[in-house]
Amino acid sequence: MPDVNNIDHMRKWFRACPALSADCPFRVDYKSEEPVEYSIISMPNTLRSHSNVLGEEVFDDIQRMMFTFASNEFWGGDERQNIANFGFYQDITNWIIQQNREKNFPLIDGGYVTAVKPTLSQYVSAPGTDSAIYQIQIEVTYKLR
C-alpha cells in the first residue's frame, strides 16, 4: 500500500489554502460531529473507457476523480456566524478557481492533473443544533501516464 495516495495528495493540496486553519484537524473519508474540523471525502464516478480497433476495452487517457470538501462549523440562529461560514466557503471556492488558473494542481499517482474545479457550490448538508456540516463538491480531471 502506498504511503501517500490520491486522497492524501488532495488533502495536502488543500492544506495550502489560506482560508483553512492549520490548527483544525483534517480528516479523510470521515465527517466529524465536532466543530471545527475539515474532511476530504472520495466520491464515486465512472471510469471512462472505450473499445479499440481490436475490440479490447481500454481506459481513456483523460479521467476524473470526484471529491467533497466538508467541514463541521458552528451554526445556528446567529446570522453573523452563518454568513461567516458562507464567506469561508466562498474563499475556498475562489482559491480553487485561482489554483486552476495558475495550474497549481495536486500531485496524483498514475497521471497528472489538468484541472480542478468546484462542481457544486457550498451548502449545509447536515444541520445540527449548534453546528452544521457545510460542503462543496470538486472534480479533478487528469491525464493517465
Foldseek 3Di string as FASTA:
>chain_A
DDPDADQNLVVVVLVPQPLDDPPAAEDEQDADPDPWHKYKYWDDDDFAWDADPVRDIDGDQKGKTKIKIKTKAFDADPVVRVVVVLVSQVSSQVVQVVCLVVVVDGDHPQWGWNHKHWDAGWDFDADDHTITMIMTMMMTMTGGD
